[in-house]
Amino acid sequence: MNFLACEGEWSAGADGNPICSGSLISLTQQEMQALSGSALTWSEVSELQGEVITLFALVFGFLVLKKVLNQR
């Protein structure tokens, strides 16, 4: 996938269309990633989601257990 970038500033025309004040350049996905820093892969996203859900379940379970034990 290629992306269009503007070497100048983006602005909106009278009809609402974007206008580049510089020249347009085409960037590949790898070039965009290099410019914006490293991104997570989909497998890393899935792994992180699993860890967050596990952490949420542990905290929720701890809070429920604490509430049950304090009622006695």
Protein backbone atom coordinates (compact mmCIF):
# COMPACT_ATOMS: atom_id res chain seq x y z
CA MET A 1 0.00 0.00 0.00
CA ASN A 2 1.32 3.44 -0.87
CA PHE A 3 0.60 6.70 0.92
CA LEU A 4 0.60 10.25 -0.40
CA ALA A 5 2.54 12.80 1.61
CA CYS A 6 3.03 16.49 1.17
CA GLU A 7 6.47 18.08 1.49
CA GLY A 8 4.76 21.37 2.33
CA GLU A 9 1.58 22.07 4.30
CA TRP A 10 -1.87 20.56 3.76
CA SER A 11 -4.74 23.03 3.58
CA ALA A 12 -8.39 22.91 2.60
CA GLY A 13 -9.59 24.52 -0.60
CA ALA A 14 -12.83 26.49 -1.00
CA ASP A 15 -14.67 23.29 -1.93
CA GLY A 16 -13.20 21.38 1.03
CA ASN A 17 -10.69 19.34 -0.94
CA PRO A 18 -7.19 19.02 0.50
CA ILE A 19 -4.48 21.06 -1.21
CA CYS A 20 -0.74 20.51 -0.83
CA SER A 21 1.32 23.74 -0.85
CA GLY A 22 4.51 21.77 -1.66
CA SER A 23 5.05 18.74 -3.83
CA LEU A 24 3.35 15.37 -3.38
CA ILE A 25 5.50 12.31 -2.71
CA SER A 26 4.55 8.65 -2.58
CA LEU A 27 5.66 6.59 0.44
CA THR A 28 5.48 2.84 0.97
CA GLN A 29 4.20 1.25 4.16
CA GLN A 30 7.77 0.50 5.27
CA GLU A 31 8.83 4.13 4.72
CA MET A 32 5.83 5.38 6.72
CA GLN A 33 6.65 2.99 9.54
CA ALA A 34 10.27 4.17 9.57
CA LEU A 35 9.11 7.79 9.82
CA SER A 36 6.61 7.21 12.62
CA GLY A 37 8.62 4.68 14.65
CA SER A 38 8.13 1.00 15.18
CA ALA A 39 4.62 -0.38 15.29
CA LEU A 40 3.26 -3.58 16.78
CA THR A 41 2.59 -6.55 14.56
CA TRP A 42 -0.81 -8.21 14.71
CA SER A 43 0.61 -11.16 16.65
CA GLU A 44 2.07 -8.73 19.21
CA VAL A 45 -1.30 -6.97 19.46
CA SER A 46 -3.05 -10.30 20.12
CA GLU A 47 -0.48 -11.25 22.75
CA LEU A 48 -0.82 -7.87 24.47
CA GLN A 49 -4.63 -8.11 24.44
CA GLY A 50 -4.44 -11.52 26.07
CA GLU A 51 -2.15 -10.21 28.80
CA VAL A 52 -4.40 -7.20 29.46
CA ILE A 53 -7.50 -9.43 29.72
CA THR A 54 -5.66 -11.75 32.12
CA LEU A 55 -4.58 -8.79 34.26
CA PHE A 56 -8.15 -7.44 34.30
CA ALA A 57 -9.51 -10.84 35.35
CA LEU A 58 -6.95 -11.14 38.15
CA VAL A 59 -7.70 -7.66 39.53
CA PHE A 60 -11.46 -8.23 39.27
CA GLY A 61 -11.14 -11.60 41.02
CA PHE A 62 -9.02 -10.05 43.78
CA LEU A 63 -11.57 -7.27 44.35
CA VAL A 64 -14.47 -9.75 44.50
CA LEU A 65 -12.56 -11.98 46.91
CA LYS A 66 -11.68 -8.97 49.09
CA LYS A 67 -15.32 -7.88 49.18
CA VAL A 68 -16.52 -11.40 50.11
CA LEU A 69 -13.95 -11.74 52.90
CA ASN A 70 -14.76 -8.31 54.35
CA GLN A 71 -18.48 -9.16 54.66
CA ARG A 72 -17.78 -11.85 57.26
